[in-house]
Amino acid sequence: MRTRRKSGARRRVPAVLLALAASATLAAPGAAASDGPSRADSPTPTLRWGVCPKADPPYPDPSPRARCATVKVPLDWSKPKGPKIGIFVARYRATDPARRIGVLMSNPGGPGAPGADDALYADDPVSGYEPAMLRRFDMVGFDPRGIGRSQGARCDETIRDAAPSRPANAAEFARLRALNGRLADSCLRETGSLAAHMDGESVARDMDAIRAALGEHRISFIGHSYGTFLGERYARLFPTRLRALALDSAMDPARPNAERYLTDGSVTTNNTLKRLAAWCERDAACALKGQSVTAVTDELFARADAGTLREPGPNGPTSVPVDADRLSDFLTFALGKGSQEETARQLAALRTGRGEVRWVPGGSSLETQLVLCRDYDFRVRDYAEYRAIRERVAKAAPHVRYNAQALDAVLGCQGWTMPPLPQPVRAKGDLPPVLVANATHDLATPLPGARRMARSYPKATLLTVDVVAHWLYRRGGTQDTMRAIDAYLTRRED
């Protein structure tokens, strides 16, 4: 049994950039009204903007043009007059007010990323928006509820350190479920009921509260990765409040079960390995030039199953074993995030026993469990069903066996005591044309899910890019996609 990596006794979720606590912001209480399905009438909230807090090194300070505030929203949107929580919001005003289109709200995904950074660093020359976009939009970002500066959640992570990351029998599967349940209960104990209200629907309602507080009738939205799911939820609840909707690296909105979610990711990983194999056939830079890459991985799995595969070292194989699960984990992250040349070099090192391999620790994050286990239903009946799913997935993706990131998410939801929520009812109202963009080889948000996302709208365009990548809206290799999304967002002046 392998156990999860140590993660510290108790930490706030997430630990990144917490130095940007919103001590300089103020807000008036209240919740938002909207044209979408409302839980109850409530007053429109207000925002009082202030100077954004500085960051602690090594993080740069936010742009001096950025301003910050906190909007108060109901902790439980079904009880709008109940307890309130604060949502940290940042805004970067359009630099050309005369040509301003409106508000572009964003979310960078995760789940669990502090989204206010999109506005705090909107003019960053590397990770920010193009100047033409800054001239036309007020950039608005927010930290979703329970995340970062929006009253971050707390859980007892010592519980998860003993959980098996890849249960090998019924006893380990039962232990995983029990420990996941204890972890969920610790989140409720240490965070309170907020831990049970970090789902996508609640965040979408928070987004509409921000819209109302800004005094905007409609917003444009760009979501990346899990942020596309939030965009889908907002479109489902508040269709008339959207001017434009751009979804980059799209989640599957159709609530896939554990098997379909794992199969989509695993087949994509397997196809990405075949892409590597095709490159190796024609490029002399490949360390496996002249060899069949798929045959090499099949050989490595056979050795892992037999207990004879070892970590490579500078002078030959070490005594550290590499099992099949560890090999699948390596393939997922090497194929999805490494260069083809580097991935081939590491595969060659595994085969010969000489060289170096970069191992990436696995395991689901608390953010994934607190959010994704409410939005998706990944529950598996028992260990027998789990093994059957694994076997079918391995047949569909024979050269990699599974996508480790997808399996981490599925296993993280087993035994979670806060059950999945039903999809909200789709509100009546016309949506604008939607743009969905996805890489053909995206191991985190596979193309089949993006296709389902595009099909879920009356009018949508699916832009695909034949690359191995996740998050296309960036400078560099996928900058053409960034330009296409910017063109879509700015083409309508209403």
Protein backbone atom coordinates (compact mmCIF):
# COMPACT_ATOMS: atom_id res chain seq x y z
CA MET A 1 0.00 0.00 0.00
CA ARG A 2 1.33 3.41 -0.92
CA THR A 3 0.33 6.34 1.25
CA ARG A 4 -0.14 9.94 0.30
CA ARG A 5 2.65 12.44 0.63
CA LYS A 6 2.90 14.33 3.91
CA SER A 7 1.16 17.65 3.77
CA GLY A 8 1.43 19.25 7.18
CA ALA A 9 -0.79 19.01 10.22
CA ARG A 10 -3.40 21.64 9.42
CA ARG A 11 -3.27 24.16 6.63
CA ARG A 12 -5.52 26.76 5.15
CA VAL A 13 -6.82 25.97 1.67
CA PRO A 14 -4.96 27.01 -0.38
CA ALA A 15 -1.65 28.15 1.11
CA VAL A 16 -0.64 30.16 -1.98
CA LEU A 17 -0.56 33.97 -1.76
CA LEU A 18 -2.33 34.17 1.60
CA ALA A 19 -0.14 37.17 2.34
CA LEU A 20 -2.62 39.09 0.20
CA ALA A 21 -5.25 39.02 2.96
CA ALA A 22 -7.84 41.67 2.29
CA SER A 23 -7.26 43.79 5.36
CA ALA A 24 -7.68 47.01 3.41
CA THR A 25 -11.11 46.26 1.97
CA LEU A 26 -14.59 47.07 3.15
CA ALA A 27 -18.08 45.99 2.17
CA ALA A 28 -21.69 46.56 2.99
CA PRO A 29 -23.84 43.53 3.79
CA GLY A 30 -26.38 42.04 1.45
CA ALA A 31 -26.94 39.47 -1.28
CA ALA A 32 -27.61 39.79 -4.97
CA ALA A 33 -30.85 39.72 -6.89
CA SER A 34 -30.81 38.38 -10.46
CA ASP A 35 -32.92 37.50 -13.47
CA GLY A 36 -32.10 33.82 -12.98
CA PRO A 37 -33.75 31.41 -10.55
CA SER A 38 -33.67 33.18 -7.20
CA ARG A 39 -33.70 31.55 -3.79
CA ALA A 40 -35.41 34.57 -2.30
CA ASP A 41 -35.57 38.33 -2.78
CA SER A 42 -32.66 40.12 -1.13
CA PRO A 43 -31.04 43.55 -1.31
CA THR A 44 -28.31 44.23 -3.83
CA PRO A 45 -24.88 44.29 -2.17
CA THR A 46 -22.51 47.20 -2.46
CA LEU A 47 -18.74 47.41 -2.84
CA ARG A 48 -16.38 49.91 -1.26
CA TRP A 49 -13.11 49.85 -3.13
CA GLY A 50 -9.77 50.36 -1.43
CA VAL A 51 -6.06 49.94 -2.01
CA CYS A 52 -5.12 46.31 -2.54
CA PRO A 53 -2.84 44.74 0.07
CA LYS A 54 0.79 44.25 -0.81
CA ALA A 55 2.26 40.84 -1.34
CA ASP A 56 5.03 39.25 0.64
CA PRO A 57 8.21 38.38 -1.26
CA PRO A 58 8.88 36.63 -3.56
CA TYR A 59 5.50 37.59 -4.98
CA PRO A 60 5.29 40.99 -6.70
CA ASP A 61 2.92 43.64 -5.48
CA PRO A 62 -0.36 43.98 -7.39
CA SER A 63 -0.72 46.56 -10.13
CA PRO A 64 -1.18 50.06 -8.71
CA ARG A 65 -4.29 50.36 -10.91
CA ALA A 66 -5.98 47.45 -9.15
CA ARG A 67 -8.53 48.09 -6.40
CA CYS A 68 -9.96 45.59 -3.93
CA ALA A 69 -13.14 45.07 -1.95
CA THR A 70 -15.20 42.40 -0.25
CA VAL A 71 -18.77 41.52 -1.14
CA LYS A 72 -20.97 39.88 1.47
CA VAL A 73 -23.06 36.94 0.25
CA PRO A 74 -25.20 34.30 2.00
CA LEU A 75 -23.24 31.34 3.24
CA ASP A 76 -26.16 29.17 2.12
CA TRP A 77 -27.99 30.62 -0.88
CA SER A 78 -31.14 28.71 0.07
CA LYS A 79 -31.18 30.89 3.22
CA PRO A 80 -30.43 34.39 1.86
CA LYS A 81 -31.19 36.06 5.19
CA GLY A 82 -28.90 33.72 7.09
CA PRO A 83 -25.20 34.09 7.94
CA LYS A 84 -23.01 35.95 5.43
CA ILE A 85 -19.48 35.31 4.21
CA GLY A 86 -17.06 37.64 2.46
CA ILE A 87 -15.88 37.16 -1.13
CA PHE A 88 -12.62 38.93 -1.97
CA VAL A 89 -12.90 40.87 -5.26
CA ALA A 90 -10.34 42.79 -7.30
CA ARG A 91 -10.92 45.13 -10.22
CA TYR A 92 -8.62 46.65 -12.83
CA ARG A 93 -10.53 49.43 -14.60
CA ALA A 94 -10.50 49.79 -18.38
CA THR A 95 -7.71 52.14 -19.45
CA ASP A 96 -9.81 53.68 -22.26
CA PRO A 97 -13.17 54.54 -20.63
CA ALA A 98 -14.53 56.01 -23.85
CA ARG A 99 -14.23 52.62 -25.59
CA ARG A 100 -15.07 50.48 -22.56
CA ILE A 101 -17.22 47.45 -23.37
CA GLY A 102 -17.99 46.41 -19.79
CA VAL A 103 -16.80 43.91 -17.19
CA LEU A 104 -14.78 40.80 -18.00
CA MET A 105 -15.02 38.48 -15.01
CA SER A 106 -12.69 35.49 -14.86
CA ASN A 107 -11.79 32.38 -12.94
CA PRO A 108 -8.51 30.44 -13.31
CA GLY A 109 -9.86 27.07 -12.19
CA GLY A 110 -8.17 24.62 -9.88
CA PRO A 111 -10.57 24.02 -8.30
CA GLY A 112 -9.12 26.14 -5.57
CA ALA A 113 -7.08 28.79 -7.36
CA PRO A 114 -7.35 32.33 -5.94
CA GLY A 115 -8.97 34.06 -8.89
CA ALA A 116 -8.55 37.68 -7.78
CA ASP A 117 -5.00 37.50 -9.14
CA ASP A 118 -6.38 37.83 -12.69
CA ALA A 119 -7.30 41.43 -11.89
CA LEU A 120 -4.51 42.15 -9.40
CA TYR A 121 -1.93 41.35 -12.07
CA ALA A 122 -4.00 42.16 -15.17
CA ASP A 123 -1.20 44.22 -16.75
CA ASP A 124 1.61 41.76 -15.99
CA PRO A 125 3.66 41.53 -19.20
CA VAL A 126 3.98 37.73 -18.95
CA SER A 127 0.78 36.41 -17.41
CA GLY A 128 -1.59 39.34 -17.82
CA TYR A 129 -3.95 40.47 -20.56
CA GLU A 130 -3.01 42.18 -23.81
CA PRO A 131 -3.11 46.02 -23.68
CA ALA A 132 -5.96 46.05 -26.19
CA MET A 133 -8.07 44.01 -23.76
CA LEU A 134 -7.14 46.24 -20.84
CA ARG A 135 -8.38 49.25 -22.79
CA ARG A 136 -11.83 47.71 -23.40
CA PHE A 137 -12.74 45.89 -20.17
CA ASP A 138 -12.82 46.29 -16.44
CA MET A 139 -11.00 43.11 -15.40
CA VAL A 140 -12.69 41.58 -12.36
CA GLY A 141 -11.41 38.56 -10.46
CA PHE A 142 -12.43 36.99 -7.17
CA ASP A 143 -11.31 34.31 -4.77
CA PRO A 144 -14.11 31.71 -4.70
CA ARG A 145 -15.75 30.99 -1.36
CA GLY A 146 -13.56 28.94 0.95
CA ILE A 147 -10.47 29.76 -1.12
CA GLY A 148 -7.56 32.09 -0.45
CA ARG A 149 -8.64 35.50 0.82
CA SER A 150 -12.33 34.57 0.82
CA GLN A 151 -12.43 32.99 4.28
CA GLY A 152 -10.33 29.95 3.41
CA ALA A 153 -11.45 26.49 4.53
CA ARG A 154 -9.56 24.45 7.10
CA CYS A 155 -9.31 20.67 7.45
CA ASP A 156 -7.22 18.23 9.46
CA GLU A 157 -4.84 16.91 6.84
CA THR A 158 -3.09 14.55 9.22
CA ILE A 159 -6.02 12.22 8.50
CA ARG A 160 -5.24 11.94 4.80
CA ASP A 161 -1.53 11.15 5.27
CA ALA A 162 -2.37 7.53 6.10
CA ALA A 163 -4.87 7.03 3.25
CA PRO A 164 -3.81 4.59 0.50
CA SER A 165 -3.37 6.47 -2.76
CA ARG A 166 -4.02 3.34 -4.86
CA PRO A 167 -6.00 0.78 -2.85
CA ALA A 168 -4.91 -2.73 -3.84
CA ASN A 169 -7.62 -4.76 -2.10
CA ALA A 170 -11.02 -4.46 -0.45
CA ALA A 171 -9.53 -3.68 2.96
CA GLU A 172 -7.50 -0.77 1.60
CA PHE A 173 -10.49 0.54 -0.34
CA ALA A 174 -12.57 0.46 2.84
CA ARG A 175 -9.79 2.25 4.71
CA LEU A 176 -9.62 4.93 2.03
CA ARG A 177 -13.35 5.55 2.26
CA ALA A 178 -13.26 5.71 6.04
CA LEU A 179 -10.38 8.18 6.08
CA ASN A 180 -11.96 10.35 3.39
CA GLY A 181 -15.10 10.47 5.51
CA ARG A 182 -13.14 11.48 8.59
CA LEU A 183 -11.35 14.16 6.55
CA ALA A 184 -14.66 15.58 5.31
CA ASP A 185 -15.99 15.64 8.86
CA SER A 186 -12.87 17.50 10.00
CA CYS A 187 -13.52 20.15 7.34
CA LEU A 188 -17.04 20.65 8.69
CA ARG A 189 -15.72 20.73 12.24
CA GLU A 190 -12.90 23.21 11.61
CA THR A 191 -14.49 25.36 8.89
CA GLY A 192 -18.15 25.08 9.77
CA SER A 193 -20.96 24.76 7.27
CA LEU A 194 -19.03 26.74 4.65
CA ALA A 195 -17.22 23.47 3.85
CA ALA A 196 -20.52 22.07 2.57
CA HIS A 197 -21.24 25.13 0.38
CA MET A 198 -18.18 25.42 -1.87
CA ASP A 199 -19.91 23.90 -4.91
CA GLY A 200 -20.14 25.43 -8.37
CA GLU A 201 -23.74 26.56 -8.06
CA SER A 202 -22.98 28.53 -4.90
CA VAL A 203 -19.98 30.17 -6.57
CA ALA A 204 -22.05 31.04 -9.63
CA ARG A 205 -24.56 32.79 -7.38
CA ASP A 206 -21.67 34.64 -5.74
CA MET A 207 -20.59 35.74 -9.22
CA ASP A 208 -24.01 37.23 -9.82
CA ALA A 209 -23.83 39.02 -6.48
CA ILE A 210 -20.56 40.58 -7.65
CA ARG A 211 -22.21 41.57 -10.93
CA ALA A 212 -25.07 43.23 -9.09
CA ALA A 213 -22.71 45.02 -6.70
CA LEU A 214 -20.78 46.37 -9.70
CA GLY A 215 -24.01 47.81 -11.07
CA GLU A 216 -23.69 45.86 -14.32
CA HIS A 217 -26.70 44.47 -16.14
CA ARG A 218 -24.52 41.91 -17.93
CA ILE A 219 -20.96 40.62 -17.77
CA SER A 220 -18.55 38.84 -20.06
CA PHE A 221 -16.82 35.82 -18.54
CA ILE A 222 -13.69 33.85 -19.31
CA GLY A 223 -13.07 30.63 -17.43
CA HIS A 224 -10.09 28.31 -17.56
CA SER A 225 -10.15 24.62 -16.59
CA TYR A 226 -12.52 24.27 -13.60
CA GLY A 227 -13.42 27.92 -14.24
CA THR A 228 -15.27 26.66 -17.34
CA PHE A 229 -17.57 24.68 -15.05
CA LEU A 230 -18.33 27.88 -13.13
CA GLY A 231 -19.08 29.59 -16.44
CA GLU A 232 -21.44 26.75 -17.34
CA ARG A 233 -23.19 27.04 -13.99
CA TYR A 234 -23.57 30.80 -14.41
CA ALA A 235 -24.98 30.33 -17.91
CA ARG A 236 -27.41 27.73 -16.57
CA LEU A 237 -28.63 30.00 -13.77
CA PHE A 238 -28.35 33.49 -15.28
CA PRO A 239 -28.41 33.28 -19.10
CA THR A 240 -29.66 36.85 -19.59
CA ARG A 241 -26.82 38.22 -17.49
CA LEU A 242 -24.14 37.10 -19.96
CA ARG A 243 -22.84 39.23 -22.80
CA ALA A 244 -20.14 36.72 -23.85
CA LEU A 245 -18.84 33.41 -22.49
CA ALA A 246 -15.36 32.07 -23.33
CA LEU A 247 -14.41 28.67 -21.94
CA ASP A 248 -10.77 27.62 -22.18
CA SER A 249 -9.83 23.96 -21.51
CA ALA A 250 -13.34 22.86 -20.70
CA MET A 251 -14.66 20.55 -18.02
CA ASP A 252 -17.36 18.04 -18.88
CA PRO A 253 -20.66 19.66 -17.83
CA ALA A 254 -22.66 16.44 -18.18
CA ARG A 255 -21.81 15.05 -14.72
CA PRO A 256 -19.75 12.06 -15.90
CA ASN A 257 -19.60 9.10 -13.55
CA ALA A 258 -16.29 7.72 -12.31
CA GLU A 259 -15.82 5.37 -15.25
CA ARG A 260 -16.45 7.87 -18.02
CA TYR A 261 -14.36 10.55 -16.32
CA LEU A 262 -11.47 8.12 -15.88
CA THR A 263 -11.84 6.65 -19.37
CA ASP A 264 -11.78 10.03 -21.14
CA GLY A 265 -8.63 11.07 -19.32
CA SER A 266 -6.92 7.71 -19.75
CA VAL A 267 -7.62 7.38 -23.47
CA THR A 268 -6.28 10.91 -23.96
CA THR A 269 -3.11 9.94 -22.08
CA ASN A 270 -2.76 6.80 -24.19
CA ASN A 271 -3.19 8.81 -27.39
CA THR A 272 -0.59 11.31 -26.20
CA LEU A 273 1.87 8.44 -25.76
CA LYS A 274 1.15 7.39 -29.35
CA ARG A 275 1.85 10.97 -30.41
CA LEU A 276 5.21 10.73 -28.64
CA ALA A 277 5.85 7.43 -30.43
CA ALA A 278 5.17 9.03 -33.83
CA TRP A 279 7.58 11.88 -33.01
CA CYS A 280 10.25 9.40 -31.97
CA GLU A 281 9.99 7.62 -35.32
CA ARG A 282 10.99 10.74 -37.23
CA ASP A 283 13.12 12.87 -34.90
CA ALA A 284 16.74 12.08 -34.07
CA ALA A 285 16.42 14.03 -30.81
CA CYS A 286 14.36 11.18 -29.34
CA ALA A 287 16.34 9.02 -26.91
CA LEU A 288 14.28 6.04 -28.12
CA LYS A 289 14.81 6.71 -31.83
CA GLY A 290 14.44 3.48 -33.76
CA GLN A 291 12.44 1.79 -31.01
CA SER A 292 8.71 1.40 -30.50
CA VAL A 293 7.77 3.70 -27.64
CA THR A 294 4.52 1.82 -26.95
CA ALA A 295 6.46 -1.46 -26.85
CA VAL A 296 8.90 0.13 -24.39
CA THR A 297 6.10 1.16 -22.03
CA ASP A 298 4.48 -2.28 -22.33
CA GLU A 299 7.82 -3.80 -21.35
CA LEU A 300 8.14 -1.42 -18.39
CA PHE A 301 4.68 -2.36 -17.14
CA ALA A 302 5.50 -6.06 -17.46
CA ARG A 303 8.62 -5.54 -15.38
CA ALA A 304 6.68 -3.44 -12.85
CA ASP A 305 4.06 -6.19 -12.53
CA ALA A 306 6.82 -8.77 -12.03
CA GLY A 307 8.49 -6.63 -9.36
CA THR A 308 11.73 -6.22 -11.32
CA LEU A 309 11.50 -2.56 -12.37
CA ARG A 310 13.75 -0.23 -10.36
CA GLU A 311 14.40 3.48 -10.21
CA PRO A 312 17.35 4.37 -12.45
CA GLY A 313 20.53 5.84 -11.03
CA PRO A 314 23.66 7.49 -12.43
CA ASN A 315 25.53 4.18 -12.50
CA GLY A 316 22.67 1.74 -13.02
CA PRO A 317 19.41 0.56 -11.40
CA THR A 318 18.90 1.40 -7.73
CA SER A 319 17.21 -0.83 -5.18
CA VAL A 320 14.03 1.29 -5.14
CA PRO A 321 11.16 -0.57 -6.83
CA VAL A 322 8.76 1.03 -9.30
CA ASP A 323 5.32 -0.54 -9.29
CA ALA A 324 2.73 -0.26 -12.04
CA ASP A 325 0.79 2.49 -10.28
CA ARG A 326 3.89 4.60 -9.91
CA LEU A 327 4.65 4.08 -13.59
CA SER A 328 1.16 5.21 -14.59
CA ASP A 329 1.53 8.27 -12.36
CA PHE A 330 4.85 9.10 -14.04
CA LEU A 331 3.41 8.74 -17.54
CA THR A 332 0.45 11.01 -16.82
CA PHE A 333 2.50 13.92 -15.63
CA ALA A 334 5.49 13.43 -17.98
CA LEU A 335 3.25 13.21 -21.05
CA GLY A 336 1.00 16.06 -19.97
CA LYS A 337 3.56 18.56 -18.73
CA GLY A 338 6.99 17.54 -20.00
CA SER A 339 8.55 18.05 -23.40
CA GLN A 340 8.61 15.13 -25.81
CA GLU A 341 12.40 15.04 -25.72
CA GLU A 342 12.52 14.98 -21.91
CA THR A 343 9.77 12.36 -21.61
CA ALA A 344 11.56 10.06 -24.07
CA ARG A 345 14.83 10.54 -22.19
CA GLN A 346 13.21 9.53 -18.90
CA LEU A 347 11.54 6.49 -20.48
CA ALA A 348 14.93 5.44 -21.80
CA ALA A 349 16.39 5.85 -18.31
CA LEU A 350 13.67 3.63 -16.86
CA ARG A 351 14.34 0.99 -19.48
CA THR A 352 18.13 0.91 -19.12
CA GLY A 353 18.26 1.69 -15.40
CA ARG A 354 20.77 4.47 -16.01
CA GLY A 355 19.81 8.14 -15.75
CA GLU A 356 17.26 10.22 -13.88
CA VAL A 357 13.47 10.30 -13.65
CA ARG A 358 11.47 13.16 -12.19
CA TRP A 359 8.75 11.71 -9.99
CA VAL A 360 5.71 13.88 -9.31
CA PRO A 361 3.85 13.21 -6.03
CA GLY A 362 0.20 12.33 -6.60
CA GLY A 363 -2.96 12.47 -4.55
CA SER A 364 -6.08 14.60 -4.74
CA SER A 365 -6.07 18.03 -3.15
CA LEU A 366 -8.45 19.23 -0.50
CA GLU A 367 -9.75 21.77 -2.98
CA THR A 368 -10.68 18.96 -5.33
CA GLN A 369 -12.48 17.06 -2.61
CA LEU A 370 -14.32 20.05 -1.15
CA VAL A 371 -15.47 21.27 -4.56
CA LEU A 372 -15.42 18.48 -7.13
CA CYS A 373 -17.00 15.85 -4.87
CA ARG A 374 -20.05 18.14 -4.64
CA ASP A 375 -20.23 19.01 -8.34
CA TYR A 376 -19.64 15.51 -9.77
CA ASP A 377 -20.84 12.08 -8.70
CA PHE A 378 -17.74 9.86 -8.70
CA ARG A 379 -19.05 7.44 -6.08
CA VAL A 380 -18.19 3.76 -6.66
CA ARG A 381 -20.26 1.08 -4.97
CA ASP A 382 -17.45 -1.11 -3.61
CA TYR A 383 -13.98 -2.45 -4.33
CA ALA A 384 -15.29 -5.02 -6.82
CA GLU A 385 -16.84 -2.28 -8.95
CA TYR A 386 -13.67 -0.21 -8.61
CA ARG A 387 -11.52 -3.10 -9.88
CA ALA A 388 -13.91 -3.74 -12.76
CA ILE A 389 -13.73 -0.08 -13.78
CA ARG A 390 -9.95 -0.12 -13.59
CA GLU A 391 -9.79 -3.22 -15.80
CA ARG A 392 -12.08 -1.73 -18.45
CA VAL A 393 -10.14 1.53 -18.43
CA ALA A 394 -6.83 -0.34 -18.80
CA LYS A 395 -8.22 -2.11 -21.89
CA ALA A 396 -9.21 1.25 -23.37
CA ALA A 397 -5.77 2.75 -22.59
CA PRO A 398 -3.44 -0.27 -22.68
CA HIS A 399 -0.09 1.50 -22.90
CA VAL A 400 -0.63 3.78 -19.86
CA ARG A 401 -3.42 1.96 -17.96
CA TYR A 402 -4.95 5.11 -16.50
CA ASN A 403 -4.73 8.89 -16.11
CA ALA A 404 -3.37 9.48 -12.62
CA GLN A 405 -4.90 12.93 -12.21
CA ALA A 406 -8.37 11.62 -13.03
CA LEU A 407 -7.94 8.62 -10.75
CA ASP A 408 -6.80 10.86 -7.90
CA ALA A 409 -10.03 12.86 -8.24
CA VAL A 410 -12.19 9.73 -8.34
CA LEU A 411 -10.55 8.14 -5.30
CA GLY A 412 -10.66 11.41 -3.37
CA CYS A 413 -14.46 11.33 -3.51
CA GLN A 414 -14.89 7.77 -2.17
CA GLY A 415 -16.46 7.96 1.27
CA TRP A 416 -16.77 11.76 1.18
CA THR A 417 -19.58 12.54 3.59
CA MET A 418 -20.84 15.65 1.77
CA PRO A 419 -22.71 14.04 -1.15
CA PRO A 420 -22.94 15.34 -4.73
CA LEU A 421 -25.53 18.01 -5.39
CA PRO A 422 -28.12 17.85 -8.19
CA GLN A 423 -27.71 20.06 -11.23
CA PRO A 424 -29.57 23.36 -10.87
CA VAL A 425 -32.59 23.86 -13.09
CA ARG A 426 -31.73 25.67 -16.33
CA ALA A 427 -33.29 29.14 -16.29
CA LYS A 428 -35.20 30.51 -19.25
CA GLY A 429 -33.53 33.15 -21.37
CA ASP A 430 -31.34 33.54 -24.42
CA LEU A 431 -27.63 32.96 -24.22
CA PRO A 432 -25.06 34.68 -26.42
CA PRO A 433 -22.97 32.52 -28.77
CA VAL A 434 -20.37 30.69 -26.68
CA LEU A 435 -16.72 29.99 -27.54
CA VAL A 436 -15.10 26.79 -26.21
CA ALA A 437 -11.37 26.21 -26.78
CA ASN A 438 -9.49 22.98 -26.08
CA ALA A 439 -6.28 21.19 -26.96
CA THR A 440 -6.67 17.88 -28.74
CA HIS A 441 -4.33 16.32 -26.17
CA ASP A 442 -5.36 17.87 -22.85
CA LEU A 443 -4.81 15.34 -20.06
CA ALA A 444 -6.55 17.46 -17.42
CA THR A 445 -9.66 18.44 -19.39
CA PRO A 446 -9.89 15.93 -22.27
CA LEU A 447 -11.42 16.89 -25.60
CA PRO A 448 -14.56 14.68 -25.22
CA GLY A 449 -15.63 16.82 -22.25
CA ALA A 450 -15.05 20.02 -24.24
CA ARG A 451 -17.20 18.63 -27.03
CA ARG A 452 -19.99 17.96 -24.55
CA MET A 453 -19.54 21.47 -23.17
CA ALA A 454 -19.97 22.98 -26.65
CA ARG A 455 -23.01 20.79 -27.40
CA SER A 456 -24.69 21.95 -24.19
CA TYR A 457 -25.34 25.43 -25.65
CA PRO A 458 -27.78 26.41 -28.40
CA LYS A 459 -25.03 28.34 -30.22
CA ALA A 460 -21.39 27.46 -29.60
CA THR A 461 -18.13 27.22 -31.48
CA LEU A 462 -15.51 24.65 -30.49
CA LEU A 463 -11.97 25.78 -31.30
CA THR A 464 -9.48 22.90 -31.12
CA VAL A 465 -5.70 23.17 -31.27
CA ASP A 466 -3.59 20.14 -32.13
CA VAL A 467 -1.15 20.36 -29.22
CA VAL A 468 -0.43 18.70 -25.89
CA ALA A 469 -1.45 21.46 -23.51
CA HIS A 470 -3.78 22.62 -20.78
CA TRP A 471 -4.92 26.25 -20.58
CA LEU A 472 -4.59 27.69 -24.10
CA TYR A 473 -5.14 31.34 -23.18
CA ARG A 474 -1.50 32.30 -22.77
CA ARG A 475 1.41 33.84 -24.57
CA GLY A 476 3.83 31.54 -26.32
CA GLY A 477 2.91 28.38 -28.20
CA THR A 478 -0.86 28.90 -28.08
CA GLN A 479 -1.00 32.69 -28.43
CA ASP A 480 -3.14 32.37 -31.56
CA THR A 481 -5.88 30.91 -29.35
CA MET A 482 -5.48 33.84 -26.98
CA ARG A 483 -5.98 36.21 -29.92
CA ALA A 484 -9.04 34.27 -31.10
CA ILE A 485 -10.63 34.44 -27.66
CA ASP A 486 -9.83 38.17 -27.37
CA ALA A 487 -11.43 38.75 -30.78
CA TYR A 488 -14.55 36.89 -29.71
CA LEU A 489 -14.80 38.84 -26.46
CA THR A 490 -14.42 42.24 -28.12
CA ARG A 491 -16.36 41.75 -31.34
CA ARG A 492 -19.73 42.75 -29.89
CA GLU A 493 -20.07 46.30 -28.63
CA ASP A 494 -23.43 45.93 -26.86
